[in-house]
Amino acid sequence: MRFARLSAFTVAVLAAVLPLSAGTVEGTVNAQAAVDKPFVIFIDDIEGPFPPPARPAVMDQKGLRFTPHVLPIVAGTMVAFPNNDPLLHNVFSISEAKRFNLGLYGNRTARSVRFDKAGVVQLQCNVHQEMSAYIVVLKNPYFTVAAAGQRFRIANVPPGRHRVRCWQEELGTKDVTVEVPERGSVKADCAMGR
């Protein structure tokens, strides 16, 4: 057989990259309060290492807004902050997970920051106080974003008992514990209110 000749190294690499069995966590975001900002749904108890992506994530500045308003990333990810407004911006954070200040910079310029510690990082612009956004730095890549009323899905989750967390800037965090099957899916609705 052709496939019987895989080297031990190739088998080890494939086993490390592709889970032999994995399930799916899915559900719906049910907000009991009127909120228009997104929810981040993630599984925080799966340990790595999980290398960050080679390319930076992007948090744009355009129309006096950060876009996207909420950006979930894996710890270690570099985030670029391009300024696509015809005026100066200054991105900064005083959050415990990452404190930084990029200083003033103009149109068609970008500055970057590496986010290496898990946590929620609130972004602001000291020139335009109405500008704010969040970067949610996570330990692993098992996350997604959804709006109130939307369905969500996190695929390729290792089987076992896991804590699914739902975070939203106004409503805080809520946990649900689920048993993820080796194959198939488990329901984990995100029900939050004030």
N, C-alpha and C. Protein backbone atom coordinates (compact mmCIF):
# COMPACT_ATOMS: atom_id res chain seq x y z
N MET A 1 0.82 -1.18 0.00
CA MET A 1 0.00 0.00 0.00
C MET A 1 0.86 1.24 0.00
N ARG A 2 0.46 2.21 -0.75
CA ARG A 2 1.21 3.44 -0.90
C ARG A 2 1.35 4.22 0.41
N PHE A 3 0.27 4.28 1.22
CA PHE A 3 0.27 5.09 2.43
C PHE A 3 1.00 4.43 3.58
N ALA A 4 1.35 3.16 3.46
CA ALA A 4 2.04 2.45 4.54
C ALA A 4 3.47 2.94 4.69
N ARG A 5 3.98 3.71 3.76
CA ARG A 5 5.36 4.14 3.79
C ARG A 5 5.56 5.52 4.40
N LEU A 6 4.58 6.05 5.08
CA LEU A 6 4.75 7.34 5.75
C LEU A 6 5.81 7.21 6.83
N SER A 7 6.67 8.18 6.90
CA SER A 7 7.72 8.14 7.92
C SER A 7 7.11 8.38 9.30
N ALA A 8 7.83 7.99 10.32
CA ALA A 8 7.37 8.22 11.69
C ALA A 8 7.23 9.71 11.95
N PHE A 9 8.11 10.52 11.37
CA PHE A 9 8.04 11.97 11.52
C PHE A 9 6.75 12.52 10.92
N THR A 10 6.38 12.07 9.72
CA THR A 10 5.15 12.53 9.07
C THR A 10 3.93 12.16 9.89
N VAL A 11 3.91 10.94 10.41
CA VAL A 11 2.79 10.51 11.24
C VAL A 11 2.69 11.37 12.49
N ALA A 12 3.83 11.67 13.12
CA ALA A 12 3.83 12.50 14.33
C ALA A 12 3.33 13.90 14.03
N VAL A 13 3.74 14.49 12.90
CA VAL A 13 3.29 15.83 12.53
C VAL A 13 1.80 15.84 12.27
N LEU A 14 1.30 14.86 11.54
CA LEU A 14 -0.14 14.79 11.26
C LEU A 14 -0.94 14.61 12.54
N ALA A 15 -0.46 13.80 13.45
CA ALA A 15 -1.17 13.58 14.71
C ALA A 15 -1.21 14.85 15.55
N ALA A 16 -0.15 15.64 15.48
CA ALA A 16 -0.10 16.88 16.24
C ALA A 16 -1.01 17.95 15.65
N VAL A 17 -1.19 17.95 14.34
CA VAL A 17 -1.97 18.99 13.67
C VAL A 17 -3.45 18.63 13.56
N LEU A 18 -3.74 17.39 13.23
CA LEU A 18 -5.11 16.97 13.03
C LEU A 18 -5.61 16.15 14.20
N PRO A 19 -6.64 16.62 14.91
CA PRO A 19 -7.14 15.81 16.01
C PRO A 19 -7.77 14.52 15.49
N LEU A 20 -7.51 13.40 16.18
CA LEU A 20 -8.07 12.13 15.76
C LEU A 20 -9.58 12.12 15.92
N SER A 21 -10.06 12.83 16.92
CA SER A 21 -11.50 12.97 17.10
C SER A 21 -11.75 14.38 17.60
N ALA A 22 -12.83 14.96 17.14
CA ALA A 22 -13.16 16.32 17.55
C ALA A 22 -14.65 16.55 17.37
N GLY A 23 -15.19 17.35 18.24
CA GLY A 23 -16.61 17.67 18.17
C GLY A 23 -16.83 19.13 17.85
N THR A 24 -18.08 19.52 17.89
CA THR A 24 -18.47 20.89 17.59
C THR A 24 -19.35 21.42 18.71
N VAL A 25 -19.09 22.66 19.10
CA VAL A 25 -19.94 23.35 20.07
C VAL A 25 -20.75 24.37 19.28
N GLU A 26 -22.08 24.30 19.43
CA GLU A 26 -22.92 25.26 18.71
C GLU A 26 -24.09 25.69 19.57
N GLY A 27 -24.64 26.83 19.24
CA GLY A 27 -25.76 27.36 20.01
C GLY A 27 -26.21 28.68 19.45
N THR A 28 -26.99 29.39 20.27
CA THR A 28 -27.54 30.68 19.88
C THR A 28 -27.24 31.67 20.99
N VAL A 29 -26.98 32.92 20.61
CA VAL A 29 -26.80 33.99 21.58
C VAL A 29 -28.17 34.57 21.89
N ASN A 30 -28.60 34.44 23.15
CA ASN A 30 -29.89 34.95 23.60
C ASN A 30 -29.64 36.05 24.61
N ALA A 31 -29.77 37.30 24.19
CA ALA A 31 -29.57 38.43 25.09
C ALA A 31 -30.92 38.91 25.59
N GLN A 32 -31.05 39.00 26.90
CA GLN A 32 -32.30 39.45 27.50
C GLN A 32 -32.39 40.97 27.58
N ALA A 33 -31.36 41.64 27.13
CA ALA A 33 -31.34 43.10 27.08
C ALA A 33 -30.99 43.52 25.66
N ALA A 34 -31.42 44.70 25.29
CA ALA A 34 -31.13 45.20 23.94
C ALA A 34 -29.67 45.63 23.87
N VAL A 35 -28.88 44.87 23.15
CA VAL A 35 -27.46 45.21 22.95
C VAL A 35 -27.15 45.11 21.47
N ASP A 36 -26.32 46.03 21.00
CA ASP A 36 -25.98 46.01 19.58
C ASP A 36 -24.51 45.68 19.33
N LYS A 37 -23.76 45.42 20.38
CA LYS A 37 -22.35 45.07 20.24
C LYS A 37 -22.21 43.55 20.26
N PRO A 38 -21.20 43.02 19.56
CA PRO A 38 -21.05 41.56 19.42
C PRO A 38 -20.63 40.84 20.70
N PHE A 39 -20.85 39.53 20.67
CA PHE A 39 -20.45 38.62 21.74
C PHE A 39 -19.27 37.79 21.25
N VAL A 40 -18.34 37.49 22.13
CA VAL A 40 -17.25 36.55 21.83
C VAL A 40 -17.55 35.28 22.61
N ILE A 41 -17.63 34.17 21.88
CA ILE A 41 -17.89 32.87 22.50
C ILE A 41 -16.60 32.07 22.37
N PHE A 42 -16.09 31.54 23.49
CA PHE A 42 -14.79 30.86 23.44
C PHE A 42 -14.71 29.76 24.48
N ILE A 43 -13.78 28.85 24.26
CA ILE A 43 -13.49 27.76 25.20
C ILE A 43 -12.13 28.06 25.80
N ASP A 44 -12.09 28.31 27.10
CA ASP A 44 -10.84 28.82 27.68
C ASP A 44 -10.02 27.79 28.44
N ASP A 45 -10.46 26.54 28.50
CA ASP A 45 -9.73 25.57 29.32
C ASP A 45 -8.92 24.56 28.50
N ILE A 46 -8.70 24.83 27.24
CA ILE A 46 -7.89 23.94 26.41
C ILE A 46 -6.49 24.55 26.31
N GLU A 47 -5.51 23.82 26.82
CA GLU A 47 -4.14 24.33 26.87
C GLU A 47 -3.41 24.06 25.56
N GLY A 48 -2.39 24.87 25.26
CA GLY A 48 -1.64 24.84 24.02
C GLY A 48 -0.39 24.00 24.11
N PRO A 49 0.60 24.33 23.32
CA PRO A 49 0.81 25.62 22.69
C PRO A 49 -0.02 25.82 21.41
N PHE A 50 -0.43 27.06 21.19
CA PHE A 50 -1.15 27.44 19.99
C PHE A 50 -0.42 28.64 19.39
N PRO A 51 0.39 28.41 18.38
CA PRO A 51 1.16 29.52 17.81
C PRO A 51 0.24 30.56 17.16
N PRO A 52 0.60 31.83 17.29
CA PRO A 52 -0.21 32.87 16.66
C PRO A 52 -0.05 32.83 15.14
N PRO A 53 -0.97 33.45 14.41
CA PRO A 53 -0.85 33.47 12.95
C PRO A 53 0.38 34.27 12.51
N ALA A 54 0.91 33.91 11.36
CA ALA A 54 2.09 34.61 10.84
C ALA A 54 1.75 36.04 10.42
N ARG A 55 0.55 36.22 9.88
CA ARG A 55 0.14 37.56 9.43
C ARG A 55 -0.57 38.28 10.57
N PRO A 56 -0.36 39.59 10.68
CA PRO A 56 -1.04 40.32 11.75
C PRO A 56 -2.55 40.43 11.53
N ALA A 57 -3.28 40.50 12.62
CA ALA A 57 -4.70 40.85 12.55
C ALA A 57 -4.77 42.35 12.34
N VAL A 58 -5.93 42.85 11.93
CA VAL A 58 -6.06 44.27 11.63
C VAL A 58 -7.23 44.87 12.39
N MET A 59 -6.96 45.98 13.07
CA MET A 59 -7.99 46.82 13.70
C MET A 59 -7.89 48.17 13.01
N ASP A 60 -8.80 48.41 12.06
CA ASP A 60 -8.76 49.62 11.24
C ASP A 60 -9.33 50.82 11.99
N GLN A 61 -8.96 52.01 11.53
CA GLN A 61 -9.52 53.26 12.03
C GLN A 61 -10.03 54.03 10.82
N LYS A 62 -11.35 54.12 10.72
CA LYS A 62 -11.97 54.77 9.57
C LYS A 62 -13.32 55.32 9.97
N GLY A 63 -13.62 56.55 9.55
CA GLY A 63 -14.89 57.17 9.91
C GLY A 63 -15.01 57.41 11.40
N LEU A 64 -13.90 57.69 12.05
CA LEU A 64 -13.83 57.90 13.50
C LEU A 64 -14.36 56.69 14.28
N ARG A 65 -14.06 55.49 13.75
CA ARG A 65 -14.45 54.25 14.41
C ARG A 65 -13.32 53.24 14.29
N PHE A 66 -13.23 52.37 15.29
CA PHE A 66 -12.37 51.19 15.17
C PHE A 66 -13.20 50.10 14.49
N THR A 67 -12.60 49.42 13.53
CA THR A 67 -13.30 48.34 12.83
C THR A 67 -12.38 47.12 12.73
N PRO A 68 -12.82 45.96 13.25
CA PRO A 68 -14.10 45.69 13.90
C PRO A 68 -14.14 46.26 15.31
N HIS A 69 -15.33 46.35 15.87
CA HIS A 69 -15.47 46.89 17.22
C HIS A 69 -14.91 45.90 18.25
N VAL A 70 -15.04 44.61 17.98
CA VAL A 70 -14.49 43.57 18.87
C VAL A 70 -13.67 42.61 18.01
N LEU A 71 -12.43 42.39 18.42
CA LEU A 71 -11.52 41.53 17.67
C LEU A 71 -10.94 40.45 18.60
N PRO A 72 -11.40 39.19 18.48
CA PRO A 72 -10.78 38.12 19.28
C PRO A 72 -9.54 37.59 18.55
N ILE A 73 -8.49 37.33 19.32
CA ILE A 73 -7.24 36.82 18.76
C ILE A 73 -6.62 35.81 19.72
N VAL A 74 -5.68 35.03 19.20
CA VAL A 74 -4.89 34.11 20.03
C VAL A 74 -3.72 34.88 20.62
N ALA A 75 -3.39 34.61 21.86
CA ALA A 75 -2.26 35.26 22.52
C ALA A 75 -1.00 35.13 21.66
N GLY A 76 -0.26 36.21 21.55
CA GLY A 76 0.94 36.24 20.74
C GLY A 76 0.72 36.87 19.37
N THR A 77 -0.52 37.16 19.04
CA THR A 77 -0.84 37.75 17.73
C THR A 77 -0.41 39.21 17.66
N MET A 78 0.16 39.58 16.52
CA MET A 78 0.47 40.98 16.24
C MET A 78 -0.77 41.60 15.62
N VAL A 79 -1.14 42.80 16.07
CA VAL A 79 -2.29 43.52 15.52
C VAL A 79 -1.80 44.83 14.92
N ALA A 80 -2.17 45.07 13.67
CA ALA A 80 -1.85 46.32 12.98
C ALA A 80 -3.01 47.29 13.15
N PHE A 81 -2.68 48.56 13.36
CA PHE A 81 -3.67 49.61 13.53
C PHE A 81 -3.49 50.67 12.44
N PRO A 82 -3.98 50.41 11.22
CA PRO A 82 -3.86 51.41 10.17
C PRO A 82 -4.80 52.59 10.42
N ASN A 83 -4.34 53.78 10.06
CA ASN A 83 -5.17 54.98 10.15
C ASN A 83 -5.65 55.31 8.75
N ASN A 84 -6.93 55.08 8.49
CA ASN A 84 -7.51 55.38 7.19
C ASN A 84 -8.47 56.56 7.26
N ASP A 85 -8.25 57.43 8.24
CA ASP A 85 -8.97 58.69 8.34
C ASP A 85 -8.04 59.83 7.92
N PRO A 86 -8.59 60.93 7.42
CA PRO A 86 -7.74 62.06 6.99
C PRO A 86 -7.36 62.96 8.16
N LEU A 87 -7.12 62.38 9.33
CA LEU A 87 -6.72 63.14 10.51
C LEU A 87 -5.89 62.25 11.42
N LEU A 88 -5.35 62.84 12.46
CA LEU A 88 -4.48 62.10 13.37
C LEU A 88 -5.28 61.24 14.35
N HIS A 89 -4.72 60.08 14.69
CA HIS A 89 -5.26 59.22 15.73
C HIS A 89 -4.15 58.82 16.69
N ASN A 90 -4.54 58.40 17.89
CA ASN A 90 -3.61 57.86 18.87
C ASN A 90 -4.30 56.67 19.55
N VAL A 91 -3.87 55.47 19.25
CA VAL A 91 -4.45 54.27 19.86
C VAL A 91 -3.69 53.98 21.15
N PHE A 92 -4.46 53.77 22.23
CA PHE A 92 -3.81 53.43 23.49
C PHE A 92 -4.73 52.54 24.31
N SER A 93 -4.14 51.90 25.33
CA SER A 93 -4.90 51.08 26.27
C SER A 93 -4.23 51.15 27.64
N ILE A 94 -5.08 51.20 28.66
CA ILE A 94 -4.57 51.11 30.03
C ILE A 94 -5.06 49.82 30.69
N SER A 95 -5.51 48.88 29.86
CA SER A 95 -6.00 47.59 30.37
C SER A 95 -4.87 46.76 30.95
N GLU A 96 -5.19 45.98 31.97
CA GLU A 96 -4.17 45.16 32.63
C GLU A 96 -3.53 44.15 31.68
N ALA A 97 -4.32 43.60 30.75
CA ALA A 97 -3.78 42.59 29.83
C ALA A 97 -2.76 43.17 28.85
N LYS A 98 -2.86 44.48 28.55
CA LYS A 98 -1.89 45.11 27.65
C LYS A 98 -1.99 46.62 27.77
N ARG A 99 -0.94 47.23 28.27
CA ARG A 99 -0.86 48.69 28.34
C ARG A 99 0.07 49.16 27.23
N PHE A 100 -0.41 50.13 26.43
CA PHE A 100 0.44 50.68 25.38
C PHE A 100 -0.11 52.02 24.93
N ASN A 101 0.73 52.78 24.22
CA ASN A 101 0.34 54.06 23.65
C ASN A 101 1.12 54.22 22.35
N LEU A 102 0.41 54.24 21.23
CA LEU A 102 1.08 54.32 19.92
C LEU A 102 1.45 55.73 19.50
N GLY A 103 1.05 56.74 20.26
CA GLY A 103 1.35 58.12 19.89
C GLY A 103 0.53 58.56 18.68
N LEU A 104 0.62 59.83 18.34
CA LEU A 104 -0.13 60.37 17.21
C LEU A 104 0.48 59.91 15.89
N TYR A 105 -0.39 59.50 14.96
CA TYR A 105 0.07 59.19 13.61
C TYR A 105 -1.05 59.44 12.62
N GLY A 106 -0.66 59.75 11.39
CA GLY A 106 -1.61 60.23 10.40
C GLY A 106 -2.11 59.21 9.40
N ASN A 107 -2.83 59.75 8.43
CA ASN A 107 -3.46 58.97 7.37
C ASN A 107 -2.47 58.12 6.60
N ARG A 108 -2.93 56.91 6.22
CA ARG A 108 -2.15 55.95 5.44
C ARG A 108 -0.88 55.50 6.17
N THR A 109 -0.97 55.50 7.48
CA THR A 109 0.12 55.02 8.32
C THR A 109 -0.44 53.92 9.22
N ALA A 110 0.39 52.98 9.58
CA ALA A 110 -0.04 51.92 10.50
C ALA A 110 1.03 51.69 11.55
N ARG A 111 0.59 51.36 12.73
CA ARG A 111 1.48 50.94 13.81
C ARG A 111 0.96 49.62 14.34
N SER A 112 1.83 48.85 14.98
CA SER A 112 1.46 47.50 15.41
C SER A 112 1.84 47.23 16.86
N VAL A 113 1.12 46.29 17.45
CA VAL A 113 1.37 45.86 18.83
C VAL A 113 1.17 44.35 18.89
N ARG A 114 2.04 43.66 19.63
CA ARG A 114 1.86 42.23 19.87
C ARG A 114 1.12 42.06 21.21
N PHE A 115 0.06 41.25 21.19
CA PHE A 115 -0.73 40.99 22.39
C PHE A 115 -0.38 39.60 22.90
N ASP A 116 0.40 39.55 23.98
CA ASP A 116 0.97 38.28 24.43
C ASP A 116 0.35 37.73 25.70
N LYS A 117 -0.62 38.42 26.29
CA LYS A 117 -1.22 37.97 27.55
C LYS A 117 -2.74 37.90 27.38
N ALA A 118 -3.34 36.78 27.80
CA ALA A 118 -4.79 36.61 27.68
C ALA A 118 -5.52 37.64 28.54
N GLY A 119 -6.63 38.14 28.01
CA GLY A 119 -7.45 39.11 28.73
C GLY A 119 -8.17 40.02 27.76
N VAL A 120 -8.99 40.91 28.30
CA VAL A 120 -9.74 41.86 27.50
C VAL A 120 -9.00 43.19 27.51
N VAL A 121 -8.73 43.72 26.31
CA VAL A 121 -8.00 44.97 26.17
C VAL A 121 -8.94 46.00 25.54
N GLN A 122 -9.24 47.05 26.30
CA GLN A 122 -10.07 48.12 25.76
C GLN A 122 -9.18 49.14 25.07
N LEU A 123 -9.55 49.50 23.84
CA LEU A 123 -8.80 50.48 23.06
C LEU A 123 -9.52 51.82 23.07
N GLN A 124 -8.72 52.87 23.04
CA GLN A 124 -9.27 54.22 22.94
C GLN A 124 -8.35 55.07 22.10
N CYS A 125 -8.87 56.22 21.68
CA CYS A 125 -8.08 57.22 20.97
C CYS A 125 -8.13 58.48 21.82
N ASN A 126 -6.97 59.00 22.23
CA ASN A 126 -7.01 60.17 23.12
C ASN A 126 -7.36 61.46 22.39
N VAL A 127 -7.44 61.42 21.05
CA VAL A 127 -7.85 62.58 20.26
C VAL A 127 -9.36 62.59 20.10
N HIS A 128 -9.95 61.40 19.95
CA HIS A 128 -11.39 61.25 19.71
C HIS A 128 -11.98 60.34 20.78
N GLN A 129 -12.54 60.94 21.80
CA GLN A 129 -13.00 60.17 22.96
C GLN A 129 -14.16 59.24 22.64
N GLU A 130 -14.88 59.49 21.54
CA GLU A 130 -15.99 58.60 21.17
C GLU A 130 -15.51 57.29 20.57
N MET A 131 -14.23 57.19 20.24
CA MET A 131 -13.70 55.96 19.66
C MET A 131 -13.31 54.97 20.75
N SER A 132 -13.87 53.77 20.67
CA SER A 132 -13.46 52.70 21.58
C SER A 132 -13.70 51.36 20.90
N ALA A 133 -12.95 50.37 21.31
CA ALA A 133 -13.08 49.01 20.77
C ALA A 133 -12.43 48.06 21.77
N TYR A 134 -12.54 46.76 21.47
CA TYR A 134 -11.98 45.74 22.35
C TYR A 134 -11.22 44.70 21.55
N ILE A 135 -10.09 44.28 22.11
CA ILE A 135 -9.37 43.11 21.61
C ILE A 135 -9.45 42.08 22.73
N VAL A 136 -10.01 40.92 22.41
CA VAL A 136 -10.15 39.84 23.40
C VAL A 136 -9.05 38.83 23.09
N VAL A 137 -8.04 38.78 23.95
CA VAL A 137 -6.87 37.92 23.74
C VAL A 137 -7.12 36.59 24.45
N LEU A 138 -7.07 35.51 23.66
CA LEU A 138 -7.45 34.19 24.16
C LEU A 138 -6.29 33.20 24.12
N LYS A 139 -6.36 32.15 24.94
CA LYS A 139 -5.28 31.16 25.05
C LYS A 139 -5.22 30.19 23.89
N ASN A 140 -6.34 30.05 23.16
CA ASN A 140 -6.39 29.04 22.10
C ASN A 140 -7.29 29.53 20.96
N PRO A 141 -7.33 28.82 19.84
CA PRO A 141 -8.11 29.28 18.69
C PRO A 141 -9.57 28.82 18.68
N TYR A 142 -10.08 28.33 19.81
CA TYR A 142 -11.45 27.84 19.87
C TYR A 142 -12.39 28.97 20.27
N PHE A 143 -12.71 29.84 19.30
CA PHE A 143 -13.57 31.00 19.56
C PHE A 143 -14.30 31.41 18.30
N THR A 144 -15.33 32.23 18.51
CA THR A 144 -16.08 32.82 17.40
C THR A 144 -16.75 34.09 17.90
N VAL A 145 -17.35 34.84 16.97
CA VAL A 145 -18.07 36.08 17.30
C VAL A 145 -19.47 35.96 16.74
N ALA A 146 -20.45 36.44 17.51
CA ALA A 146 -21.85 36.43 17.04
C ALA A 146 -22.58 37.62 17.65
N ALA A 147 -23.65 38.02 16.98
CA ALA A 147 -24.51 39.09 17.48
C ALA A 147 -25.67 38.48 18.25
N ALA A 148 -26.36 39.30 19.02
CA ALA A 148 -27.54 38.82 19.75
C ALA A 148 -28.55 38.25 18.76
N GLY A 149 -29.07 37.07 19.08
CA GLY A 149 -30.04 36.41 18.22
C GLY A 149 -29.42 35.50 17.16
N GLN A 150 -28.11 35.56 16.98
CA GLN A 150 -27.44 34.73 15.97
C GLN A 150 -27.00 33.40 16.53
N ARG A 151 -26.86 32.45 15.61
CA ARG A 151 -26.30 31.14 15.95
C ARG A 151 -24.77 31.23 15.86
N PHE A 152 -24.08 30.39 16.61
CA PHE A 152 -22.63 30.32 16.54
C PHE A 152 -22.20 28.87 16.48
N ARG A 153 -20.94 28.68 16.06
CA ARG A 153 -20.39 27.32 15.89
C ARG A 153 -18.88 27.37 16.11
N ILE A 154 -18.37 26.48 16.95
CA ILE A 154 -16.93 26.32 17.15
C ILE A 154 -16.61 24.87 16.81
N ALA A 155 -15.85 24.66 15.74
CA ALA A 155 -15.57 23.32 15.23
C ALA A 155 -14.22 22.79 15.71
N ASN A 156 -14.01 21.49 15.54
CA ASN A 156 -12.75 20.80 15.83
C ASN A 156 -12.30 20.93 17.28
N VAL A 157 -13.27 20.89 18.20
CA VAL A 157 -12.97 21.00 19.62
C VAL A 157 -12.59 19.62 20.15
N PRO A 158 -11.48 19.49 20.86
CA PRO A 158 -11.11 18.19 21.44
C PRO A 158 -12.23 17.69 22.36
N PRO A 159 -12.50 16.39 22.33
CA PRO A 159 -13.58 15.86 23.17
C PRO A 159 -13.26 15.98 24.66
N GLY A 160 -14.32 16.03 25.45
CA GLY A 160 -14.15 16.12 26.90
C GLY A 160 -15.02 17.21 27.48
N ARG A 161 -14.89 17.37 28.79
CA ARG A 161 -15.67 18.40 29.51
C ARG A 161 -14.96 19.74 29.37
N HIS A 162 -15.67 20.74 28.86
CA HIS A 162 -15.07 22.06 28.64
C HIS A 162 -15.99 23.18 29.11
N ARG A 163 -15.36 24.29 29.46
CA ARG A 163 -16.10 25.49 29.85
C ARG A 163 -16.19 26.42 28.65
N VAL A 164 -17.42 26.69 28.23
CA VAL A 164 -17.67 27.63 27.14
C VAL A 164 -18.02 28.96 27.80
N ARG A 165 -17.34 30.02 27.37
CA ARG A 165 -17.57 31.34 27.96
C ARG A 165 -18.14 32.29 26.90
N CYS A 166 -19.08 33.11 27.32
CA CYS A 166 -19.65 34.15 26.47
C CYS A 166 -19.28 35.49 27.09
N TRP A 167 -18.69 36.37 26.29
CA TRP A 167 -18.30 37.70 26.79
C TRP A 167 -18.94 38.77 25.92
N GLN A 168 -19.42 39.83 26.58
CA GLN A 168 -19.96 40.98 25.88
C GLN A 168 -19.63 42.20 26.72
N GLU A 169 -19.24 43.29 26.07
CA GLU A 169 -18.70 44.44 26.80
C GLU A 169 -19.65 45.03 27.84
N GLU A 170 -20.95 44.99 27.61
CA GLU A 170 -21.91 45.57 28.55
C GLU A 170 -22.45 44.54 29.54
N LEU A 171 -22.52 43.29 29.14
CA LEU A 171 -23.14 42.25 29.96
C LEU A 171 -22.15 41.39 30.73
N GLY A 172 -20.86 41.52 30.45
CA GLY A 172 -19.86 40.75 31.17
C GLY A 172 -19.66 39.36 30.59
N THR A 173 -19.43 38.37 31.47
CA THR A 173 -19.11 37.02 31.05
C THR A 173 -20.04 36.02 31.72
N LYS A 174 -20.42 35.01 30.95
CA LYS A 174 -21.22 33.92 31.49
C LYS A 174 -20.61 32.61 31.02
N ASP A 175 -20.58 31.60 31.90
CA ASP A 175 -19.99 30.30 31.60
C ASP A 175 -21.05 29.22 31.47
N VAL A 176 -20.79 28.27 30.59
CA VAL A 176 -21.61 27.08 30.43
C VAL A 176 -20.64 25.90 30.32
N THR A 177 -20.86 24.84 31.08
CA THR A 177 -20.00 23.66 30.98
C THR A 177 -20.71 22.62 30.11
N VAL A 178 -19.95 22.06 29.15
CA VAL A 178 -20.52 21.07 28.23
C VAL A 178 -19.59 19.88 28.11
N GLU A 179 -20.14 18.77 27.65
CA GLU A 179 -19.36 17.56 27.36
C GLU A 179 -19.29 17.46 25.84
N VAL A 180 -18.12 17.73 25.27
CA VAL A 180 -17.94 17.71 23.82
C VAL A 180 -17.72 16.26 23.38
N PRO A 181 -18.51 15.78 22.42
CA PRO A 181 -18.35 14.39 21.97
C PRO A 181 -17.14 14.23 21.05
N GLU A 182 -16.73 12.98 20.84
CA GLU A 182 -15.62 12.71 19.92
C GLU A 182 -16.01 13.03 18.48
N ARG A 183 -17.27 12.88 18.18
CA ARG A 183 -17.81 13.25 16.87
C ARG A 183 -19.20 13.80 17.10
N GLY A 184 -19.62 14.73 16.26
CA GLY A 184 -20.94 15.32 16.42
C GLY A 184 -20.86 16.64 17.17
N SER A 185 -22.00 17.10 17.66
CA SER A 185 -22.03 18.41 18.27
C SER A 185 -22.75 18.40 19.61
N VAL A 186 -22.50 19.44 20.38
CA VAL A 186 -23.16 19.65 21.66
C VAL A 186 -23.69 21.07 21.66
N LYS A 187 -24.86 21.27 22.26
CA LYS A 187 -25.49 22.58 22.30
C LYS A 187 -25.03 23.34 23.54
N ALA A 188 -24.69 24.62 23.35
CA ALA A 188 -24.25 25.48 24.45
C ALA A 188 -24.76 26.89 24.19
N ASP A 189 -26.05 27.11 24.40
CA ASP A 189 -26.61 28.44 24.18
C ASP A 189 -25.99 29.45 25.12
N CYS A 190 -25.85 30.66 24.63
CA CYS A 190 -25.29 31.77 25.39
C CYS A 190 -26.46 32.67 25.77
N ALA A 191 -26.97 32.53 27.00
CA ALA A 191 -28.10 33.33 27.47
C ALA A 191 -27.60 34.34 28.47
N MET A 192 -27.72 35.62 28.13
CA MET A 192 -27.20 36.67 29.01
C MET A 192 -28.22 37.79 29.15
N GLY A 193 -28.22 38.43 30.31
CA GLY A 193 -29.10 39.56 30.56
C GLY A 193 -28.55 40.42 31.64
N ARG A 194 -29.26 41.47 31.95
CA ARG A 194 -28.78 42.40 33.00
C ARG A 194 -29.35 42.05 34.34
